[in-house]
N, C-alpha and C. Protein backbone atom coordinates (compact mmCIF):
# COMPACT_ATOMS: atom_id res chain seq x y z
N UNK A 1 -43.14 10.81 -40.63
CA UNK A 1 -43.33 11.22 -39.25
C UNK A 1 -42.20 10.52 -38.48
N UNK A 2 -41.65 9.24 -38.57
CA UNK A 2 -40.74 8.67 -37.94
C UNK A 2 -39.44 9.55 -37.98
N UNK A 3 -39.30 9.94 -39.29
CA UNK A 3 -37.89 10.64 -39.67
C UNK A 3 -38.00 11.96 -38.60
N UNK A 4 -39.03 12.64 -38.61
CA UNK A 4 -39.15 13.88 -37.78
C UNK A 4 -38.79 13.64 -36.19
N UNK A 5 -39.44 12.46 -35.87
CA UNK A 5 -39.21 12.09 -34.42
C UNK A 5 -37.83 11.71 -34.12
N UNK A 6 -37.13 11.24 -35.02
CA UNK A 6 -35.65 10.97 -34.79
C UNK A 6 -34.73 12.14 -34.97
N UNK A 7 -35.10 13.18 -35.78
CA UNK A 7 -34.46 14.32 -35.80
C UNK A 7 -34.62 15.18 -34.47
N UNK A 8 -35.79 15.10 -33.99
CA UNK A 8 -36.19 15.89 -32.76
C UNK A 8 -35.39 15.14 -31.58
N UNK A 9 -35.39 13.70 -31.56
CA UNK A 9 -34.69 13.22 -30.40
C UNK A 9 -33.20 13.32 -30.53
N UNK A 10 -32.66 13.36 -31.81
CA UNK A 10 -31.17 13.70 -31.99
C UNK A 10 -31.04 15.06 -31.62
N UNK A 11 -31.85 16.10 -31.91
CA UNK A 11 -31.54 17.34 -31.59
C UNK A 11 -31.62 17.61 -30.05
N UNK A 12 -32.52 16.98 -29.42
CA UNK A 12 -32.54 17.01 -27.81
C UNK A 12 -31.33 16.50 -27.30
N UNK A 13 -30.86 15.33 -27.77
CA UNK A 13 -29.59 14.66 -27.14
C UNK A 13 -28.35 15.60 -27.35
N UNK A 14 -28.44 16.30 -28.50
CA UNK A 14 -27.33 17.04 -28.88
C UNK A 14 -27.25 18.39 -27.75
N UNK A 15 -28.47 18.98 -27.53
CA UNK A 15 -28.68 20.02 -26.70
C UNK A 15 -28.29 19.61 -25.25
N UNK A 16 -28.71 18.41 -24.92
CA UNK A 16 -28.42 17.91 -23.57
C UNK A 16 -26.92 17.79 -23.46
N UNK A 17 -26.09 17.27 -24.37
CA UNK A 17 -24.74 17.17 -24.52
C UNK A 17 -24.11 18.43 -24.20
N UNK A 18 -24.50 19.53 -25.01
CA UNK A 18 -23.97 20.73 -24.72
C UNK A 18 -24.15 21.44 -23.47
N UNK A 19 -25.30 21.18 -22.92
CA UNK A 19 -25.59 21.72 -21.73
C UNK A 19 -24.47 21.05 -20.63
N UNK A 20 -24.50 19.67 -20.65
CA UNK A 20 -23.71 19.01 -19.90
C UNK A 20 -22.12 19.43 -19.79
N UNK A 21 -21.81 19.63 -21.02
CA UNK A 21 -20.27 20.14 -21.20
C UNK A 21 -20.07 21.58 -20.72
N UNK A 22 -21.10 22.31 -20.94
CA UNK A 22 -20.85 23.82 -20.48
C UNK A 22 -21.11 23.78 -18.79
N UNK A 23 -21.78 22.90 -18.24
CA UNK A 23 -21.88 22.82 -16.82
C UNK A 23 -20.49 22.28 -16.22
N UNK A 24 -20.15 21.26 -16.87
CA UNK A 24 -18.84 20.68 -16.45
C UNK A 24 -17.71 21.65 -16.52
N UNK A 25 -17.51 22.46 -17.53
CA UNK A 25 -16.61 23.38 -17.88
C UNK A 25 -16.57 24.62 -16.80
N UNK A 26 -17.79 25.01 -16.56
CA UNK A 26 -18.19 26.15 -15.56
C UNK A 26 -18.16 25.75 -14.02
N UNK A 27 -18.29 24.52 -13.75
CA UNK A 27 -18.32 24.21 -12.31
C UNK A 27 -16.85 23.97 -11.91
N UNK A 28 -16.52 24.98 -10.93
CA UNK A 28 -15.05 25.09 -10.30
C UNK A 28 -15.17 25.05 -8.89
N UNK A 29 -14.14 24.37 -8.35
CA UNK A 29 -13.89 24.29 -7.05
C UNK A 29 -13.75 25.64 -6.35
N UNK A 30 -14.36 25.83 -5.31
CA UNK A 30 -14.29 27.02 -4.64
C UNK A 30 -13.02 26.91 -3.74
N UNK A 31 -12.04 28.09 -3.80
CA UNK A 31 -10.84 27.97 -3.14
C UNK A 31 -10.95 29.07 -2.01
N UNK A 32 -10.74 28.47 -0.75
CA UNK A 32 -11.05 29.45 0.33
C UNK A 32 -9.81 30.19 0.60
N UNK A 33 -10.05 31.49 1.14
CA UNK A 33 -8.79 32.22 1.40
C UNK A 33 -7.89 31.62 2.48
N UNK A 34 -6.48 31.73 2.11
CA UNK A 34 -5.40 31.13 3.08
C UNK A 34 -5.67 31.96 4.55
N UNK A 35 -5.26 31.10 5.37
CA UNK A 35 -5.31 31.52 6.85
C UNK A 35 -6.78 31.44 7.44
N UNK A 36 -7.60 30.79 6.84
CA UNK A 36 -9.06 30.54 7.26
C UNK A 36 -9.43 29.03 7.73
N UNK A 37 -10.20 28.88 8.66
CA UNK A 37 -10.46 27.44 8.99
C UNK A 37 -10.97 26.75 7.79
N UNK A 38 -11.80 27.30 7.03
CA UNK A 38 -12.28 26.46 5.89
C UNK A 38 -11.30 26.17 4.89
N UNK A 39 -10.22 26.98 4.78
CA UNK A 39 -9.03 26.73 3.95
C UNK A 39 -8.34 25.48 4.64
N UNK A 40 -8.18 25.41 5.93
CA UNK A 40 -7.47 24.49 6.60
C UNK A 40 -8.21 23.07 6.34
N UNK A 41 -9.50 23.07 6.45
CA UNK A 41 -10.40 21.83 6.04
C UNK A 41 -9.94 21.46 4.56
N UNK A 42 -10.12 22.46 3.68
CA UNK A 42 -9.83 22.18 2.14
C UNK A 42 -8.48 21.58 2.19
N UNK A 43 -7.51 22.12 2.87
CA UNK A 43 -6.05 21.59 2.61
C UNK A 43 -5.87 20.16 3.09
N UNK A 44 -6.68 19.88 4.19
CA UNK A 44 -6.70 18.63 4.90
C UNK A 44 -7.21 17.58 3.85
N UNK A 45 -8.45 17.80 3.20
CA UNK A 45 -8.94 16.99 2.30
C UNK A 45 -8.17 16.78 1.02
N UNK A 46 -7.41 17.85 0.61
CA UNK A 46 -6.39 17.63 -0.55
C UNK A 46 -5.29 16.67 -0.08
N UNK A 47 -4.86 17.01 1.17
CA UNK A 47 -3.75 15.89 1.54
C UNK A 47 -4.28 14.54 1.51
N UNK A 48 -5.52 14.35 1.87
CA UNK A 48 -5.91 12.92 1.82
C UNK A 48 -6.21 12.40 0.44
N UNK A 49 -6.48 13.33 -0.51
CA UNK A 49 -6.57 12.87 -1.93
C UNK A 49 -5.19 12.60 -2.50
N UNK A 50 -4.18 13.17 -1.97
CA UNK A 50 -2.88 13.12 -2.37
C UNK A 50 -2.22 12.00 -1.64
N UNK A 51 -2.86 11.49 -0.63
CA UNK A 51 -2.30 10.52 0.33
C UNK A 51 -1.13 10.98 0.96
N UNK A 52 -1.15 12.16 1.39
CA UNK A 52 -0.04 12.81 1.92
C UNK A 52 -0.12 12.88 3.63
N UNK A 53 -0.03 11.69 4.20
CA UNK A 53 -0.37 11.60 5.65
C UNK A 53 0.62 12.61 6.59
N UNK A 54 1.72 12.89 5.97
CA UNK A 54 2.68 13.88 6.81
C UNK A 54 2.05 15.30 6.73
N UNK A 55 1.56 15.64 5.60
CA UNK A 55 0.74 16.97 5.57
C UNK A 55 -0.45 17.02 6.43
N UNK A 56 -1.14 15.92 6.56
CA UNK A 56 -2.29 16.01 7.23
C UNK A 56 -2.03 15.81 8.86
N UNK A 57 -0.91 15.25 9.01
CA UNK A 57 -0.40 15.09 10.70
C UNK A 57 0.09 16.52 10.92
N UNK A 58 0.59 17.27 10.10
CA UNK A 58 1.09 18.58 10.29
C UNK A 58 0.16 19.64 10.77
N UNK A 59 -1.11 19.23 10.27
CA UNK A 59 -2.14 20.08 10.54
C UNK A 59 -2.89 19.77 11.92
N UNK A 60 -2.39 18.87 12.66
CA UNK A 60 -2.97 18.52 14.09
C UNK A 60 -2.35 19.45 14.93
N UNK A 61 -3.26 19.70 16.02
CA UNK A 61 -2.75 20.63 17.18
C UNK A 61 -1.60 20.02 17.89
N UNK A 62 -0.80 20.60 18.54
CA UNK A 62 0.20 20.31 19.37
C UNK A 62 -0.22 19.27 20.35
N UNK A 63 -1.43 19.31 21.10
CA UNK A 63 -1.88 18.49 21.89
C UNK A 63 -2.11 16.96 21.14
N UNK A 64 -2.70 17.10 20.04
CA UNK A 64 -2.81 15.67 19.35
C UNK A 64 -1.46 15.21 19.01
N UNK A 65 -0.34 15.93 18.81
CA UNK A 65 0.86 15.51 18.35
C UNK A 65 1.55 14.80 19.56
N UNK A 66 1.17 15.41 20.59
CA UNK A 66 1.63 14.71 22.00
C UNK A 66 1.09 13.38 22.30
N UNK A 67 -0.21 13.20 21.93
CA UNK A 67 -0.97 12.01 22.12
C UNK A 67 -0.55 10.89 21.14
N UNK A 68 -0.19 11.36 19.92
CA UNK A 68 -0.06 10.26 18.76
C UNK A 68 1.14 10.69 17.96
N UNK A 69 1.93 9.72 17.52
CA UNK A 69 3.21 9.91 16.89
C UNK A 69 2.72 9.66 15.42
N UNK A 70 3.66 10.30 14.44
CA UNK A 70 3.29 10.17 13.10
C UNK A 70 3.09 8.62 12.62
N UNK A 71 3.97 7.86 12.99
CA UNK A 71 4.04 6.51 12.64
C UNK A 71 2.63 5.78 13.13
N UNK A 72 2.21 6.04 14.19
CA UNK A 72 0.96 5.58 14.56
C UNK A 72 -0.17 6.11 13.92
N UNK A 73 -0.15 7.47 13.64
CA UNK A 73 -1.26 8.02 12.78
C UNK A 73 -1.33 7.56 11.40
N UNK A 74 -0.16 7.38 10.81
CA UNK A 74 -0.04 6.74 9.47
C UNK A 74 -0.48 5.36 9.42
N UNK A 75 -0.31 4.72 10.46
CA UNK A 75 -0.61 3.12 10.60
C UNK A 75 -2.10 2.87 10.73
N UNK A 76 -2.69 3.80 11.27
CA UNK A 76 -4.17 3.53 11.73
C UNK A 76 -5.01 4.28 10.54
N UNK A 77 -4.40 4.85 9.48
CA UNK A 77 -5.30 5.45 8.54
C UNK A 77 -6.25 4.54 7.94
N UNK A 78 -7.68 4.86 8.08
CA UNK A 78 -8.64 4.02 7.56
C UNK A 78 -9.07 4.53 5.99
N UNK A 79 -8.45 5.71 5.89
CA UNK A 79 -8.86 6.28 4.54
C UNK A 79 -8.27 5.44 3.32
N UNK A 80 -7.18 4.95 3.51
CA UNK A 80 -6.38 4.12 2.42
C UNK A 80 -7.20 3.05 1.81
N UNK A 81 -8.12 2.40 2.80
CA UNK A 81 -8.84 1.33 2.27
C UNK A 81 -10.05 1.83 1.15
N UNK A 82 -10.12 3.21 1.32
CA UNK A 82 -11.27 3.86 0.31
C UNK A 82 -10.66 4.58 -0.76
N UNK A 83 -9.41 4.13 -1.19
CA UNK A 83 -8.78 5.13 -2.19
C UNK A 83 -9.36 4.92 -3.53
N UNK A 84 -10.40 3.99 -3.65
CA UNK A 84 -10.94 4.02 -5.23
C UNK A 84 -12.33 4.92 -4.98
N UNK A 85 -12.70 5.42 -3.93
CA UNK A 85 -13.71 6.35 -3.93
C UNK A 85 -13.28 7.93 -4.33
N UNK A 86 -14.19 8.56 -4.84
CA UNK A 86 -14.06 9.86 -5.11
C UNK A 86 -15.08 10.68 -4.22
N UNK A 87 -14.57 11.88 -3.64
CA UNK A 87 -15.51 12.79 -2.70
C UNK A 87 -15.71 14.02 -3.32
N UNK A 88 -16.68 14.52 -2.94
CA UNK A 88 -17.10 16.00 -3.05
C UNK A 88 -17.40 16.66 -1.74
N UNK A 89 -16.75 17.60 -1.31
CA UNK A 89 -17.00 18.11 0.01
C UNK A 89 -17.67 19.53 -0.28
N UNK A 90 -18.82 19.78 0.56
CA UNK A 90 -19.47 21.20 0.34
C UNK A 90 -19.53 21.71 1.68
N UNK A 91 -19.02 22.89 1.83
CA UNK A 91 -19.25 23.66 3.05
C UNK A 91 -20.50 24.01 3.42
N UNK A 92 -21.00 23.67 4.60
CA UNK A 92 -22.43 23.90 5.15
C UNK A 92 -22.30 25.28 5.92
N UNK A 93 -21.45 25.33 7.04
CA UNK A 93 -21.26 26.46 7.63
C UNK A 93 -20.09 26.33 8.71
N UNK A 94 -19.75 27.53 9.23
CA UNK A 94 -18.65 27.76 10.08
C UNK A 94 -19.29 28.54 11.31
N UNK A 95 -18.70 28.03 12.58
CA UNK A 95 -19.24 28.65 13.73
C UNK A 95 -18.07 28.97 14.64
N UNK A 96 -17.78 30.00 15.19
CA UNK A 96 -16.77 30.56 16.19
C UNK A 96 -17.40 30.45 17.56
N UNK A 97 -16.96 29.51 18.39
CA UNK A 97 -17.37 29.44 19.93
C UNK A 97 -16.16 29.66 20.71
N UNK A 98 -15.95 30.73 21.43
CA UNK A 98 -14.83 31.22 22.17
C UNK A 98 -13.59 31.15 21.19
N UNK A 99 -12.65 30.24 21.56
CA UNK A 99 -11.47 30.13 20.68
C UNK A 99 -11.43 28.97 19.60
N UNK A 100 -12.58 28.44 19.58
CA UNK A 100 -12.59 27.10 18.71
C UNK A 100 -13.62 27.54 17.53
N UNK A 101 -13.12 27.03 16.37
CA UNK A 101 -14.00 27.12 15.21
C UNK A 101 -14.57 25.83 14.80
N UNK A 102 -15.72 25.59 14.55
CA UNK A 102 -16.43 24.40 13.98
C UNK A 102 -16.78 24.67 12.50
N UNK A 103 -16.15 23.83 11.72
CA UNK A 103 -16.48 23.87 10.24
C UNK A 103 -17.27 22.64 9.87
N UNK A 104 -18.49 22.93 9.35
CA UNK A 104 -19.45 21.67 9.18
C UNK A 104 -19.51 21.57 7.63
N UNK A 105 -19.05 20.30 7.27
CA UNK A 105 -19.07 19.91 5.83
C UNK A 105 -19.82 18.78 5.44
N UNK A 106 -20.49 18.72 4.26
CA UNK A 106 -21.20 17.65 3.71
C UNK A 106 -20.40 16.90 2.90
N UNK A 107 -19.94 15.56 3.17
CA UNK A 107 -19.22 14.76 2.33
C UNK A 107 -19.99 13.87 1.37
N UNK A 108 -19.80 13.88 0.31
CA UNK A 108 -20.31 12.94 -0.60
C UNK A 108 -19.28 12.14 -1.37
N UNK A 109 -19.41 10.74 -1.13
CA UNK A 109 -18.61 9.73 -1.61
C UNK A 109 -19.30 8.96 -2.85
N UNK A 110 -18.44 8.85 -3.87
CA UNK A 110 -18.74 8.13 -5.04
C UNK A 110 -18.04 6.93 -5.23
N UNK A 111 -18.66 5.72 -5.39
CA UNK A 111 -17.78 4.69 -5.59
C UNK A 111 -18.62 3.69 -6.68
N UNK A 112 -17.79 2.83 -7.33
CA UNK A 112 -18.56 1.92 -8.31
C UNK A 112 -19.78 1.17 -7.56
N UNK A 113 -20.76 1.03 -8.23
CA UNK A 113 -21.95 0.30 -7.64
C UNK A 113 -22.45 -0.64 -8.73
N UNK A 114 -23.43 -1.44 -8.38
CA UNK A 114 -24.23 -2.21 -9.29
C UNK A 114 -25.22 -1.49 -10.03
N UNK A 115 -25.98 -2.28 -10.82
CA UNK A 115 -26.74 -1.52 -11.85
C UNK A 115 -27.96 -0.76 -11.11
N UNK A 116 -28.19 -1.18 -9.91
CA UNK A 116 -29.38 -0.45 -9.01
C UNK A 116 -28.87 0.20 -7.95
N UNK A 117 -27.54 0.44 -7.78
CA UNK A 117 -26.91 1.17 -6.75
C UNK A 117 -26.34 2.50 -7.32
N UNK A 118 -26.71 3.51 -6.74
CA UNK A 118 -26.27 4.88 -7.19
C UNK A 118 -24.78 4.98 -6.98
N UNK A 119 -24.18 4.21 -5.97
CA UNK A 119 -22.60 4.24 -5.55
C UNK A 119 -22.42 5.66 -5.04
N UNK A 120 -23.29 6.30 -4.30
CA UNK A 120 -23.16 7.50 -3.72
C UNK A 120 -23.84 7.47 -2.15
N UNK A 121 -22.95 8.25 -1.34
CA UNK A 121 -23.42 8.44 -0.04
C UNK A 121 -23.11 9.68 0.46
N UNK A 122 -23.88 10.27 1.14
CA UNK A 122 -23.56 11.66 1.82
C UNK A 122 -23.70 11.46 3.35
N UNK A 123 -22.97 12.42 3.91
CA UNK A 123 -23.08 12.49 5.37
C UNK A 123 -22.39 13.75 5.91
N UNK A 124 -22.56 14.32 6.93
CA UNK A 124 -21.93 15.62 7.55
C UNK A 124 -20.81 15.16 8.39
N UNK A 125 -19.80 16.00 8.28
CA UNK A 125 -18.64 15.95 9.29
C UNK A 125 -18.52 17.30 9.85
N UNK A 126 -18.10 17.30 11.20
CA UNK A 126 -17.66 18.39 11.80
C UNK A 126 -16.23 18.61 12.19
N UNK A 127 -15.44 19.60 11.75
CA UNK A 127 -14.13 19.72 12.06
C UNK A 127 -14.00 20.78 13.10
N UNK A 128 -13.03 20.42 13.97
CA UNK A 128 -12.88 21.34 14.98
C UNK A 128 -11.52 21.94 15.13
N UNK A 129 -11.48 23.29 14.95
CA UNK A 129 -10.10 23.87 15.02
C UNK A 129 -9.77 25.03 15.83
N UNK A 130 -8.56 25.35 15.93
CA UNK A 130 -8.04 26.39 16.95
C UNK A 130 -6.92 26.93 16.37
N UNK A 131 -6.58 28.22 16.52
CA UNK A 131 -5.39 28.71 16.13
C UNK A 131 -4.13 28.57 17.08
N UNK A 132 -3.09 28.18 16.38
CA UNK A 132 -1.77 27.88 17.19
C UNK A 132 -0.62 28.47 16.47
N UNK A 133 -0.05 29.41 16.97
CA UNK A 133 1.03 30.21 16.43
C UNK A 133 0.60 30.77 15.04
N UNK A 134 -0.57 31.26 14.97
CA UNK A 134 -1.10 31.73 13.76
C UNK A 134 -1.59 30.83 12.60
N UNK A 135 -1.77 29.70 12.84
CA UNK A 135 -2.06 28.67 11.92
C UNK A 135 -3.32 27.90 12.47
N UNK A 136 -4.14 27.53 11.68
CA UNK A 136 -5.54 26.75 12.02
C UNK A 136 -4.93 25.39 12.22
N UNK A 137 -5.24 24.77 13.46
CA UNK A 137 -4.90 23.33 13.67
C UNK A 137 -6.16 22.55 14.08
N UNK A 138 -6.12 21.31 13.79
CA UNK A 138 -7.37 20.36 14.27
C UNK A 138 -7.17 19.90 15.57
N UNK A 139 -8.27 20.23 16.44
CA UNK A 139 -8.09 19.89 17.92
C UNK A 139 -8.80 18.33 18.10
N UNK A 140 -9.41 17.92 17.14
CA UNK A 140 -9.80 16.55 17.20
C UNK A 140 -9.26 15.85 15.73
N UNK A 141 -9.21 14.53 15.99
CA UNK A 141 -8.71 13.85 14.70
C UNK A 141 -9.78 14.08 13.66
N UNK A 142 -9.40 14.56 12.48
CA UNK A 142 -10.29 15.00 11.47
C UNK A 142 -10.50 13.95 10.47
N UNK A 143 -11.85 13.73 9.96
CA UNK A 143 -12.00 12.84 8.91
C UNK A 143 -11.24 13.32 7.67
N UNK A 144 -10.57 12.42 6.87
CA UNK A 144 -10.84 10.98 6.96
C UNK A 144 -9.67 10.15 7.79
N UNK A 145 -8.87 11.09 8.45
CA UNK A 145 -7.90 10.46 9.29
C UNK A 145 -8.27 10.58 10.79
N UNK A 146 -9.30 10.04 11.20
CA UNK A 146 -10.14 10.46 12.32
C UNK A 146 -9.78 9.32 13.45
N UNK A 147 -8.78 8.66 13.39
CA UNK A 147 -8.33 7.87 14.44
C UNK A 147 -7.05 7.69 14.58
N UNK A 148 -6.41 7.62 16.01
CA UNK A 148 -5.01 7.34 16.24
C UNK A 148 -4.94 6.81 17.60
N UNK A 149 -4.34 5.58 17.72
CA UNK A 149 -4.23 4.97 19.11
C UNK A 149 -3.10 5.78 19.76
N UNK A 150 -3.44 6.24 20.98
CA UNK A 150 -2.64 7.18 21.75
C UNK A 150 -1.36 6.56 22.03
N UNK A 151 -0.31 7.32 21.78
CA UNK A 151 0.97 6.88 22.04
C UNK A 151 1.30 6.45 23.55
N UNK A 152 1.91 5.30 23.88
CA UNK A 152 2.13 4.99 25.26
C UNK A 152 3.34 5.79 25.71
N UNK A 153 3.36 6.37 26.82
CA UNK A 153 4.16 7.20 27.39
C UNK A 153 5.10 6.21 28.29
N UNK A 154 6.45 6.32 28.00
CA UNK A 154 7.26 5.44 28.80
C UNK A 154 7.55 5.91 30.17
N UNK A 155 7.53 5.08 31.22
CA UNK A 155 7.80 5.51 32.53
C UNK A 155 9.14 5.29 33.01
């Protein structure tokens, strides 16, 4: 009887392993079409993953460039402190109002936790974009680079 129980448990674990591998191999990232606001958000998150602050800064609107220089933007980046976290971004929806598009994304962050901590937290982020010269640009500082001290204008 014990022998059959062990064989059954082993078979169950093997089936579970196979299902896990199949799911891992078939779960692919959605790639949004170039020239869409959703793709702009995806590109921003990729630049954060690659720690490419210059690429993220290039995605800001001209108005934000006028308020904040690259050196200030890079110096205030809070994302770098979280570099040991992995994230998953899930598109919730997009909404066009006048000439502004709002892209709502659920961010799930994974980090190492204790034995009773899942090490996972989820929250929603709203990205605000507008087209400038045919490209989608962020009109508010986007997460994870969502802060910049405004550059002082010399008089």
